[in-house]
Amino acid sequence: MFERLKELSREKLCLNSDMHISGKNELILDNCEKIEECNEVYMRLLSGTLRISIRGSCLRAYDFRTGGIVIRGNIEQIEFSERSSRNGPQNTKICQDKRSGQKTQ
């Protein structure tokens, strides 16, 4: 019940992440909160409950101050993952180093 109420409130307050893709050269994302990582081949953005990873070449970010972001360049891959909470700590993966066998976060 609370999940449904939470989802309805997000819709009414326009907090959902809306995305428009024009071919493979432009992506427009509304409600972008933060750019976590940004370079010419990889960008990681936070938007609502999503972490969005974009891979490509010649990537550039425009118009971040408008509450959204425009990404232009040769976009090859877009990946979505959920964040654990909007303001809380992020999910951490425990990985095992194949050479030493030690576990890392």
PDB file of N, CA and C in Angstrom:
ATOM      1  N   MET A   1       0.817  -1.190   0.000  1.00  0.00           N
ATOM      2  CA  MET A   1       0.000   0.000   0.000  1.00  0.00           C
ATOM      3  C   MET A   1       0.867   1.261   0.000  1.00  0.00           C
ATOM      4  N   PHE A   2       1.907   1.258   0.837  1.00  0.00           N
ATOM      5  CA  PHE A   2       2.758   2.435   0.919  1.00  0.00           C
ATOM      6  C   PHE A   2       3.554   2.650  -0.365  1.00  0.00           C
ATOM      7  N   GLU A   3       3.947   1.560  -1.020  1.00  0.00           N
ATOM      8  CA  GLU A   3       4.668   1.680  -2.291  1.00  0.00           C
ATOM      9  C   GLU A   3       3.794   2.355  -3.341  1.00  0.00           C
ATOM     10  N   ARG A   4       2.528   1.980  -3.396  1.00  0.00           N
ATOM     11  CA  ARG A   4       1.604   2.579  -4.372  1.00  0.00           C
ATOM     12  C   ARG A   4       1.394   4.060  -4.061  1.00  0.00           C
ATOM     13  N   LEU A   5       1.245   4.402  -2.791  1.00  0.00           N
ATOM     14  CA  LEU A   5       1.081   5.799  -2.389  1.00  0.00           C
ATOM     15  C   LEU A   5       2.324   6.611  -2.717  1.00  0.00           C
ATOM     16  N   LYS A   6       3.477   6.014  -2.490  1.00  0.00           N
ATOM     17  CA  LYS A   6       4.745   6.677  -2.811  1.00  0.00           C
ATOM     18  C   LYS A   6       4.843   6.939  -4.316  1.00  0.00           C
ATOM     19  N   GLU A   7       4.457   5.956  -5.123  1.00  0.00           N
ATOM     20  CA  GLU A   7       4.513   6.095  -6.577  1.00  0.00           C
ATOM     21  C   GLU A   7       3.543   7.165  -7.074  1.00  0.00           C
ATOM     22  N   LEU A   8       2.332   7.206  -6.505  1.00  0.00           N
ATOM     23  CA  LEU A   8       1.351   8.229  -6.893  1.00  0.00           C
ATOM     24  C   LEU A   8       1.836   9.630  -6.543  1.00  0.00           C
ATOM     25  N   SER A   9       2.442   9.780  -5.364  1.00  0.00           N
ATOM     26  CA  SER A   9       2.947  11.098  -4.979  1.00  0.00           C
ATOM     27  C   SER A   9       4.092  11.536  -5.882  1.00  0.00           C
ATOM     28  N   ARG A  10       4.943  10.604  -6.299  1.00  0.00           N
ATOM     29  CA  ARG A  10       6.029  10.938  -7.226  1.00  0.00           C
ATOM     30  C   ARG A  10       5.477  11.419  -8.557  1.00  0.00           C
ATOM     31  N   GLU A  11       4.400  10.783  -9.030  1.00  0.00           N
ATOM     32  CA  GLU A  11       3.790  11.185 -10.297  1.00  0.00           C
ATOM     33  C   GLU A  11       3.175  12.580 -10.188  1.00  0.00           C
ATOM     34  N   LYS A  12       2.455  12.852  -9.108  1.00  0.00           N
ATOM     35  CA  LYS A  12       1.789  14.144  -8.935  1.00  0.00           C
ATOM     36  C   LYS A  12       2.776  15.281  -8.751  1.00  0.00           C
ATOM     37  N   LEU A  13       3.899  15.020  -8.099  1.00  0.00           N
ATOM     38  CA  LEU A  13       4.907  16.061  -7.859  1.00  0.00           C
ATOM     39  C   LEU A  13       5.936  16.138  -8.975  1.00  0.00           C
ATOM     40  N   CYS A  14       5.743  15.378 -10.035  1.00  0.00           N
ATOM     41  CA  CYS A  14       6.653  15.367 -11.198  1.00  0.00           C
ATOM     42  C   CYS A  14       8.080  15.040 -10.794  1.00  0.00           C
ATOM     43  N   LEU A  15       8.257  14.016  -9.962  1.00  0.00           N
ATOM     44  CA  LEU A  15       9.592  13.614  -9.528  1.00  0.00           C
ATOM     45  C   LEU A  15      10.128  12.419 -10.306  1.00  0.00           C
ATOM     46  N   ASN A  16       9.354  11.890 -11.228  1.00  0.00           N
ATOM     47  CA  ASN A  16       9.816  10.765 -12.032  1.00  0.00           C
ATOM     48  C   ASN A  16      10.857  11.224 -13.038  1.00  0.00           C
ATOM     49  N   SER A  17      11.643  10.301 -13.488  1.00  0.00           N
ATOM     50  CA  SER A  17      12.669  10.581 -14.486  1.00  0.00           C
ATOM     51  C   SER A  17      12.081  10.390 -15.872  1.00  0.00           C
ATOM     52  N   ASP A  18      11.957  11.462 -16.618  1.00  0.00           N
ATOM     53  CA  ASP A  18      11.486  11.378 -17.995  1.00  0.00           C
ATOM     54  C   ASP A  18      12.689  11.491 -18.915  1.00  0.00           C
ATOM     55  N   MET A  19      12.669  10.704 -19.994  1.00  0.00           N
ATOM     56  CA  MET A  19      13.806  10.664 -20.899  1.00  0.00           C
ATOM     57  C   MET A  19      13.316  10.696 -22.338  1.00  0.00           C
ATOM     58  N   HIS A  20      14.044  11.440 -23.155  1.00  0.00           N
ATOM     59  CA  HIS A  20      13.764  11.484 -24.594  1.00  0.00           C
ATOM     60  C   HIS A  20      15.074  11.206 -25.312  1.00  0.00           C
ATOM     61  N   ILE A  21      15.052  10.248 -26.241  1.00  0.00           N
ATOM     62  CA  ILE A  21      16.250   9.878 -26.990  1.00  0.00           C
ATOM     63  C   ILE A  21      16.025  10.211 -28.454  1.00  0.00           C
ATOM     64  N   SER A  22      16.922  11.000 -29.031  1.00  0.00           N
ATOM     65  CA  SER A  22      16.869  11.341 -30.453  1.00  0.00           C
ATOM     66  C   SER A  22      17.972  10.584 -31.170  1.00  0.00           C
ATOM     67  N   GLY A  23      17.592   9.492 -31.827  1.00  0.00           N
ATOM     68  CA  GLY A  23      18.589   8.669 -32.507  1.00  0.00           C
ATOM     69  C   GLY A  23      19.603   8.151 -31.523  1.00  0.00           C
ATOM     70  N   LYS A  24      20.858   8.155 -31.913  1.00  0.00           N
ATOM     71  CA  LYS A  24      21.909   7.735 -30.984  1.00  0.00           C
ATOM     72  C   LYS A  24      22.835   8.896 -30.624  1.00  0.00           C
ATOM     73  N   ASN A  25      22.385  10.126 -30.937  1.00  0.00           N
ATOM     74  CA  ASN A  25      23.244  11.283 -30.734  1.00  0.00           C
ATOM     75  C   ASN A  25      22.787  12.250 -29.647  1.00  0.00           C
ATOM     76  N   GLU A  26      21.564  12.087 -29.126  1.00  0.00           N
ATOM     77  CA  GLU A  26      21.099  13.031 -28.115  1.00  0.00           C
ATOM     78  C   GLU A  26      20.161  12.348 -27.131  1.00  0.00           C
ATOM     79  N   LEU A  27      20.357  12.649 -25.849  1.00  0.00           N
ATOM     80  CA  LEU A  27      19.504  12.148 -24.785  1.00  0.00           C
ATOM     81  C   LEU A  27      19.130  13.320 -23.898  1.00  0.00           C
ATOM     82  N   ILE A  28      17.848  13.500 -23.628  1.00  0.00           N
ATOM     83  CA  ILE A  28      17.367  14.565 -22.753  1.00  0.00           C
ATOM     84  C   ILE A  28      16.755  13.895 -21.534  1.00  0.00           C
ATOM     85  N   LEU A  29      17.227  14.246 -20.343  1.00  0.00           N
ATOM     86  CA  LEU A  29      16.772  13.641 -19.103  1.00  0.00           C
ATOM     87  C   LEU A  29      16.258  14.720 -18.172  1.00  0.00           C
ATOM     88  N   ASP A  30      14.990  14.611 -17.751  1.00  0.00           N
ATOM     89  CA  ASP A  30      14.406  15.543 -16.783  1.00  0.00           C
ATOM     90  C   ASP A  30      14.707  15.057 -15.369  1.00  0.00           C
ATOM     91  N   ASN A  31      14.708  15.990 -14.421  1.00  0.00           N
ATOM     92  CA  ASN A  31      14.918  15.700 -12.996  1.00  0.00           C
ATOM     93  C   ASN A  31      16.257  15.039 -12.713  1.00  0.00           C
ATOM     94  N   CYS A  32      17.297  15.489 -13.365  1.00  0.00           N
ATOM     95  CA  CYS A  32      18.647  14.988 -13.085  1.00  0.00           C
ATOM     96  C   CYS A  32      19.155  15.708 -11.840  1.00  0.00           C
ATOM     97  N   GLU A  33      19.450  14.948 -10.790  1.00  0.00           N
ATOM     98  CA  GLU A  33      19.871  15.536  -9.516  1.00  0.00           C
ATOM     99  C   GLU A  33      21.371  15.788  -9.440  1.00  0.00           C
ATOM    100  N   LYS A  34      22.138  14.871 -10.004  1.00  0.00           N
ATOM    101  CA  LYS A  34      23.584  14.944  -9.797  1.00  0.00           C
ATOM    102  C   LYS A  34      24.310  14.225 -10.926  1.00  0.00           C
ATOM    103  N   ILE A  35      25.453  14.773 -11.300  1.00  0.00           N
ATOM    104  CA  ILE A  35      26.364  14.102 -12.214  1.00  0.00           C
ATOM    105  C   ILE A  35      27.450  13.481 -11.341  1.00  0.00           C
ATOM    106  N   GLU A  36      27.464  12.156 -11.245  1.00  0.00           N
ATOM    107  CA  GLU A  36      28.458  11.482 -10.405  1.00  0.00           C
ATOM    108  C   GLU A  36      29.804  11.352 -11.107  1.00  0.00           C
ATOM    109  N   GLU A  37      29.767  11.091 -12.391  1.00  0.00           N
ATOM    110  CA  GLU A  37      31.002  10.928 -13.157  1.00  0.00           C
ATOM    111  C   GLU A  37      30.742  11.410 -14.573  1.00  0.00           C
ATOM    112  N   CYS A  38      31.728  12.087 -15.152  1.00  0.00           N
ATOM    113  CA  CYS A  38      31.521  12.645 -16.483  1.00  0.00           C
ATOM    114  C   CYS A  38      32.855  12.756 -17.210  1.00  0.00           C
ATOM    115  N   ASN A  39      32.952  12.064 -18.349  1.00  0.00           N
ATOM    116  CA  ASN A  39      34.086  12.246 -19.254  1.00  0.00           C
ATOM    117  C   ASN A  39      33.592  11.957 -20.665  1.00  0.00           C
ATOM    118  N   GLU A  40      34.484  11.911 -21.621  1.00  0.00           N
ATOM    119  CA  GLU A  40      34.073  11.791 -23.027  1.00  0.00           C
ATOM    120  C   GLU A  40      33.517  10.418 -23.401  1.00  0.00           C
ATOM    121  N   VAL A  41      33.776   9.396 -22.589  1.00  0.00           N
ATOM    122  CA  VAL A  41      33.322   8.044 -22.936  1.00  0.00           C
ATOM    123  C   VAL A  41      32.338   7.445 -21.934  1.00  0.00           C
ATOM    124  N   TYR A  42      32.161   8.063 -20.751  1.00  0.00           N
ATOM    125  CA  TYR A  42      31.289   7.492 -19.728  1.00  0.00           C
ATOM    126  C   TYR A  42      30.680   8.600 -18.867  1.00  0.00           C
ATOM    127  N   MET A  43      29.382   8.506 -18.595  1.00  0.00           N
ATOM    128  CA  MET A  43      28.709   9.415 -17.676  1.00  0.00           C
ATOM    129  C   MET A  43      27.814   8.605 -16.755  1.00  0.00           C
ATOM    130  N   ARG A  44      27.788   9.004 -15.482  1.00  0.00           N
ATOM    131  CA  ARG A  44      26.894   8.379 -14.511  1.00  0.00           C
ATOM    132  C   ARG A  44      26.099   9.484 -13.834  1.00  0.00           C
ATOM    133  N   LEU A  45      24.769   9.396 -13.912  1.00  0.00           N
ATOM    134  CA  LEU A  45      23.868  10.426 -13.424  1.00  0.00           C
ATOM    135  C   LEU A  45      22.913   9.858 -12.387  1.00  0.00           C
ATOM    136  N   LEU A  46      22.441  10.704 -11.467  1.00  0.00           N
ATOM    137  CA  LEU A  46      21.410  10.322 -10.514  1.00  0.00           C
ATOM    138  C   LEU A  46      20.139  11.081 -10.850  1.00  0.00           C
ATOM    139  N   SER A  47      19.028  10.352 -10.945  1.00  0.00           N
ATOM    140  CA  SER A  47      17.747  10.956 -11.268  1.00  0.00           C
ATOM    141  C   SER A  47      16.651  10.184 -10.551  1.00  0.00           C
ATOM    142  N   GLY A  48      16.021  10.818  -9.567  1.00  0.00           N
ATOM    143  CA  GLY A  48      14.983  10.134  -8.804  1.00  0.00           C
ATOM    144  C   GLY A  48      15.562   8.923  -8.097  1.00  0.00           C
ATOM    145  N   THR A  49      14.971   7.768  -8.333  1.00  0.00           N
ATOM    146  CA  THR A  49      15.456   6.537  -7.712  1.00  0.00           C
ATOM    147  C   THR A  49      16.396   5.771  -8.630  1.00  0.00           C
ATOM    148  N   LEU A  50      16.806   6.384  -9.729  1.00  0.00           N
ATOM    149  CA  LEU A  50      17.630   5.697 -10.716  1.00  0.00           C
ATOM    150  C   LEU A  50      19.060   6.216 -10.748  1.00  0.00           C
ATOM    151  N   ARG A  51      19.967   5.314 -11.017  1.00  0.00           N
ATOM    152  CA  ARG A  51      21.348   5.650 -11.380  1.00  0.00           C
ATOM    153  C   ARG A  51      21.460   5.275 -12.846  1.00  0.00           C
ATOM    154  N   ILE A  52      21.805   6.239 -13.692  1.00  0.00           N
ATOM    155  CA  ILE A  52      21.833   6.041 -15.136  1.00  0.00           C
ATOM    156  C   ILE A  52      23.281   6.140 -15.614  1.00  0.00           C
ATOM    157  N   SER A  53      23.750   5.082 -16.272  1.00  0.00           N
ATOM    158  CA  SER A  53      25.108   5.036 -16.826  1.00  0.00           C
ATOM    159  C   SER A  53      25.006   5.115 -18.342  1.00  0.00           C
ATOM    160  N   ILE A  54      25.804   5.996 -18.930  1.00  0.00           N
ATOM    161  CA  ILE A  54      25.799   6.194 -20.376  1.00  0.00           C
ATOM    162  C   ILE A  54      27.217   5.974 -20.884  1.00  0.00           C
ATOM    163  N   ARG A  55      27.358   5.125 -21.893  1.00  0.00           N
ATOM    164  CA  ARG A  55      28.658   4.866 -22.506  1.00  0.00           C
ATOM    165  C   ARG A  55      28.585   5.261 -23.970  1.00  0.00           C
ATOM    166  N   GLY A  56      29.706   5.755 -24.477  1.00  0.00           N
ATOM    167  CA  GLY A  56      29.765   6.165 -25.874  1.00  0.00           C
ATOM    168  C   GLY A  56      31.092   6.839 -26.169  1.00  0.00           C
ATOM    169  N   SER A  57      31.068   7.766 -27.110  1.00  0.00           N
ATOM    170  CA  SER A  57      32.273   8.532 -27.436  1.00  0.00           C
ATOM    171  C   SER A  57      31.863   9.979 -27.708  1.00  0.00           C
ATOM    172  N   CYS A  58      32.777  10.882 -27.466  1.00  0.00           N
ATOM    173  CA  CYS A  58      32.551  12.328 -27.645  1.00  0.00           C
ATOM    174  C   CYS A  58      31.326  12.807 -26.867  1.00  0.00           C
ATOM    175  N   LEU A  59      31.093  12.268 -25.660  1.00  0.00           N
ATOM    176  CA  LEU A  59      29.929  12.655 -24.858  1.00  0.00           C
ATOM    177  C   LEU A  59      30.152  14.022 -24.227  1.00  0.00           C
ATOM    178  N   ARG A  60      29.136  14.856 -24.270  1.00  0.00           N
ATOM    179  CA  ARG A  60      29.148  16.190 -23.665  1.00  0.00           C
ATOM    180  C   ARG A  60      27.825  16.429 -22.962  1.00  0.00           C
ATOM    181  N   ALA A  61      27.867  17.122 -21.822  1.00  0.00           N
ATOM    182  CA  ALA A  61      26.669  17.458 -21.060  1.00  0.00           C
ATOM    183  C   ALA A  61      26.354  18.940 -21.245  1.00  0.00           C
ATOM    184  N   TYR A  62      25.069  19.252 -21.479  1.00  0.00           N
ATOM    185  CA  TYR A  62      24.610  20.625 -21.673  1.00  0.00           C
ATOM    186  C   TYR A  62      23.396  20.892 -20.791  1.00  0.00           C
ATOM    187  N   ASP A  63      23.164  22.153 -20.459  1.00  0.00           N
ATOM    188  CA  ASP A  63      21.947  22.635 -19.793  1.00  0.00           C
ATOM    189  C   ASP A  63      21.650  21.951 -18.472  1.00  0.00           C
ATOM    190  N   PHE A  64      22.658  21.704 -17.643  1.00  0.00           N
ATOM    191  CA  PHE A  64      22.420  21.034 -16.366  1.00  0.00           C
ATOM    192  C   PHE A  64      21.653  21.913 -15.387  1.00  0.00           C
ATOM    193  N   ARG A  65      21.765  23.213 -15.468  1.00  0.00           N
ATOM    194  CA  ARG A  65      21.121  24.117 -14.512  1.00  0.00           C
ATOM    195  C   ARG A  65      19.612  24.216 -14.667  1.00  0.00           C
ATOM    196  N   THR A  66      19.054  23.641 -15.688  1.00  0.00           N
ATOM    197  CA  THR A  66      17.615  23.750 -15.937  1.00  0.00           C
ATOM    198  C   THR A  66      16.801  22.678 -15.213  1.00  0.00           C
ATOM    199  N   GLY A  67      17.410  21.866 -14.359  1.00  0.00           N
ATOM    200  CA  GLY A  67      16.702  20.799 -13.672  1.00  0.00           C
ATOM    201  C   GLY A  67      16.730  19.495 -14.440  1.00  0.00           C
ATOM    202  N   GLY A  68      17.315  19.527 -15.590  1.00  0.00           N
ATOM    203  CA  GLY A  68      17.486  18.334 -16.415  1.00  0.00           C
ATOM    204  C   GLY A  68      18.867  18.392 -17.018  1.00  0.00           C
ATOM    205  N   ILE A  69      19.105  17.530 -17.980  1.00  0.00           N
ATOM    206  CA  ILE A  69      20.410  17.531 -18.634  1.00  0.00           C
ATOM    207  C   ILE A  69      20.239  17.040 -20.066  1.00  0.00           C
ATOM    208  N   VAL A  70      21.061  17.573 -20.944  1.00  0.00           N
ATOM    209  CA  VAL A  70      21.102  17.131 -22.334  1.00  0.00           C
ATOM    210  C   VAL A  70      22.480  16.524 -22.564  1.00  0.00           C
ATOM    211  N   ILE A  71      22.510  15.285 -23.036  1.00  0.00           N
ATOM    212  CA  ILE A  71      23.760  14.599 -23.357  1.00  0.00           C
ATOM    213  C   ILE A  71      23.821  14.464 -24.873  1.00  0.00           C
ATOM    214  N   ARG A  72      24.913  14.936 -25.456  1.00  0.00           N
ATOM    215  CA  ARG A  72      25.114  14.801 -26.899  1.00  0.00           C
ATOM    216  C   ARG A  72      26.421  14.081 -27.156  1.00  0.00           C
ATOM    217  N   GLY A  73      26.450  13.316 -28.225  1.00  0.00           N
ATOM    218  CA  GLY A  73      27.624  12.559 -28.612  1.00  0.00           C
ATOM    219  C   GLY A  73      27.177  11.252 -29.240  1.00  0.00           C
ATOM    220  N   ASN A  74      28.096  10.342 -29.405  1.00  0.00           N
ATOM    221  CA  ASN A  74      27.794   9.031 -29.972  1.00  0.00           C
ATOM    222  C   ASN A  74      27.429   8.087 -28.819  1.00  0.00           C
ATOM    223  N   ILE A  75      26.138   7.958 -28.527  1.00  0.00           N
ATOM    224  CA  ILE A  75      25.660   7.147 -27.402  1.00  0.00           C
ATOM    225  C   ILE A  75      25.569   5.695 -27.857  1.00  0.00           C
ATOM    226  N   GLU A  76      26.280   4.826 -27.150  1.00  0.00           N
ATOM    227  CA  GLU A  76      26.315   3.413 -27.506  1.00  0.00           C
ATOM    228  C   GLU A  76      25.526   2.538 -26.545  1.00  0.00           C
ATOM    229  N   GLN A  77      25.456   2.930 -25.259  1.00  0.00           N
ATOM    230  CA  GLN A  77      24.796   2.097 -24.266  1.00  0.00           C
ATOM    231  C   GLN A  77      24.236   2.963 -23.145  1.00  0.00           C
ATOM    232  N   ILE A  78      23.014   2.631 -22.700  1.00  0.00           N
ATOM    233  CA  ILE A  78      22.396   3.291 -21.551  1.00  0.00           C
ATOM    234  C   ILE A  78      21.993   2.189 -20.582  1.00  0.00           C
ATOM    235  N   GLU A  79      22.394   2.326 -19.323  1.00  0.00           N
ATOM    236  CA  GLU A  79      22.102   1.305 -18.313  1.00  0.00           C
ATOM    237  C   GLU A  79      21.408   1.962 -17.116  1.00  0.00           C
ATOM    238  N   PHE A  80      20.368   1.310 -16.605  1.00  0.00           N
ATOM    239  CA  PHE A  80      19.622   1.808 -15.465  1.00  0.00           C
ATOM    240  C   PHE A  80      19.801   0.863 -14.281  1.00  0.00           C
ATOM    241  N   SER A  81      19.988   1.437 -13.097  1.00  0.00           N
ATOM    242  CA  SER A  81      19.989   0.648 -11.870  1.00  0.00           C
ATOM    243  C   SER A  81      19.307   1.477 -10.790  1.00  0.00           C
ATOM    244  N   GLU A  82      18.666   0.796  -9.841  1.00  0.00           N
ATOM    245  CA  GLU A  82      17.956   1.499  -8.777  1.00  0.00           C
ATOM    246  C   GLU A  82      18.900   1.825  -7.645  1.00  0.00           C
ATOM    247  N   ARG A  83      18.696   3.016  -7.069  1.00  0.00           N
ATOM    248  CA  ARG A  83      19.434   3.396  -5.873  1.00  0.00           C
ATOM    249  C   ARG A  83      18.679   2.841  -4.674  1.00  0.00           C
ATOM    250  N   SER A  84      19.380   2.643  -3.567  1.00  0.00           N
ATOM    251  CA  SER A  84      18.732   2.071  -2.387  1.00  0.00           C
ATOM    252  C   SER A  84      17.729   3.044  -1.782  1.00  0.00           C
ATOM    253  N   SER A  85      18.066   4.326  -1.718  1.00  0.00           N
ATOM    254  CA  SER A  85      17.137   5.354  -1.255  1.00  0.00           C
ATOM    255  C   SER A  85      17.548   6.675  -1.864  1.00  0.00           C
ATOM    256  N   ARG A  86      16.643   7.617  -1.869  1.00  0.00           N
ATOM    257  CA  ARG A  86      16.889   8.878  -2.551  1.00  0.00           C
ATOM    258  C   ARG A  86      18.040   9.662  -1.940  1.00  0.00           C
ATOM    259  N   ASN A  87      18.139   9.723  -0.615  1.00  0.00           N
ATOM    260  CA  ASN A  87      19.186  10.509   0.030  1.00  0.00           C
ATOM    261  C   ASN A  87      20.146   9.673   0.859  1.00  0.00           C
ATOM    262  N   GLY A  88      19.888   8.384   0.992  1.00  0.00           N
ATOM    263  CA  GLY A  88      20.694   7.531   1.841  1.00  0.00           C
ATOM    264  C   GLY A  88      21.909   6.978   1.126  1.00  0.00           C
ATOM    265  N   PRO A  89      22.607   6.103   1.815  1.00  0.00           N
ATOM    266  CA  PRO A  89      23.795   5.497   1.199  1.00  0.00           C
ATOM    267  C   PRO A  89      23.409   4.606   0.033  1.00  0.00           C
ATOM    268  N   GLN A  90      24.325   4.462  -0.878  1.00  0.00           N
ATOM    269  CA  GLN A  90      24.079   3.674  -2.080  1.00  0.00           C
ATOM    270  C   GLN A  90      24.381   2.210  -1.808  1.00  0.00           C
ATOM    271  N   ASN A  91      23.782   1.341  -2.624  1.00  0.00           N
ATOM    272  CA  ASN A  91      24.089  -0.090  -2.532  1.00  0.00           C
ATOM    273  C   ASN A  91      25.563  -0.295  -2.826  1.00  0.00           C
ATOM    274  N   THR A  92      26.198  -1.158  -2.053  1.00  0.00           N
ATOM    275  CA  THR A  92      27.587  -1.478  -2.329  1.00  0.00           C
ATOM    276  C   THR A  92      27.673  -2.943  -2.697  1.00  0.00           C
ATOM    277  N   LYS A  93      28.472  -3.248  -3.675  1.00  0.00           N
ATOM    278  CA  LYS A  93      28.688  -4.626  -4.087  1.00  0.00           C
ATOM    279  C   LYS A  93      29.958  -5.124  -3.433  1.00  0.00           C
ATOM    280  N   ILE A  94      29.935  -6.345  -2.998  1.00  0.00           N
ATOM    281  CA  ILE A  94      31.145  -6.967  -2.485  1.00  0.00           C
ATOM    282  C   ILE A  94      31.686  -7.842  -3.605  1.00  0.00           C
ATOM    283  N   CYS A  95      32.881  -7.512  -4.057  1.00  0.00           N
ATOM    284  CA  CYS A  95      33.503  -8.220  -5.171  1.00  0.00           C
ATOM    285  C   CYS A  95      34.723  -8.975  -4.668  1.00  0.00           C
ATOM    286  N   GLN A  96      35.056 -10.032  -5.344  1.00  0.00           N
ATOM    287  CA  GLN A  96      36.237 -10.798  -4.990  1.00  0.00           C
ATOM    288  C   GLN A  96      37.307 -10.565  -6.039  1.00  0.00           C
ATOM    289  N   ASP A  97      38.487 -10.159  -5.572  1.00  0.00           N
ATOM    290  CA  ASP A  97      39.622  -9.957  -6.465  1.00  0.00           C
ATOM    291  C   ASP A  97      40.080 -11.327  -6.930  1.00  0.00           C
ATOM    292  N   LYS A  98      40.106 -11.544  -8.241  1.00  0.00           N
ATOM    293  CA  LYS A  98      40.420 -12.870  -8.787  1.00  0.00           C
ATOM    294  C   LYS A  98      41.885 -13.235  -8.585  1.00  0.00           C
ATOM    295  N   ARG A  99      42.766 -12.233  -8.481  1.00  0.00           N
ATOM    296  CA  ARG A  99      44.190 -12.542  -8.292  1.00  0.00           C
ATOM    297  C   ARG A  99      44.510 -12.903  -6.850  1.00  0.00           C
ATOM    298  N   SER A 100      44.009 -12.077  -5.900  1.00  0.00           N
ATOM    299  CA  SER A 100      44.381 -12.299  -4.499  1.00  0.00           C
ATOM    300  C   SER A 100      43.325 -13.082  -3.732  1.00  0.00           C
ATOM    301  N   GLY A 101      42.083 -13.121  -4.230  1.00  0.00           N
ATOM    302  CA  GLY A 101      41.021 -13.845  -3.528  1.00  0.00           C
ATOM    303  C   GLY A 101      40.396 -13.024  -2.408  1.00  0.00           C
ATOM    304  N   GLN A 102      40.849 -11.773  -2.211  1.00  0.00           N
ATOM    305  CA  GLN A 102      40.286 -10.936  -1.152  1.00  0.00           C
ATOM    306  C   GLN A 102      39.009 -10.292  -1.611  1.00  0.00           C
ATOM    307  N   LYS A 103      38.094 -10.071  -0.669  1.00  0.00           N
ATOM    308  CA  LYS A 103      36.820  -9.412  -0.978  1.00  0.00           C
ATOM    309  C   LYS A 103      36.967  -7.922  -0.749  1.00  0.00           C
ATOM    310  N   THR A 104      36.411  -7.138  -1.690  1.00  0.00           N
ATOM    311  CA  THR A 104      36.451  -5.681  -1.595  1.00  0.00           C
ATOM    312  C   THR A 104      35.059  -5.139  -1.821  1.00  0.00           C
ATOM    313  N   GLN A 105      34.837  -3.907  -1.390  1.00  0.00           N
ATOM    314  CA  GLN A 105      33.553  -3.245  -1.621  1.00  0.00           C
ATOM    315  C   GLN A 105      33.643  -2.311  -2.771  1.00  0.00           C
TER     316      GLN A 105
END
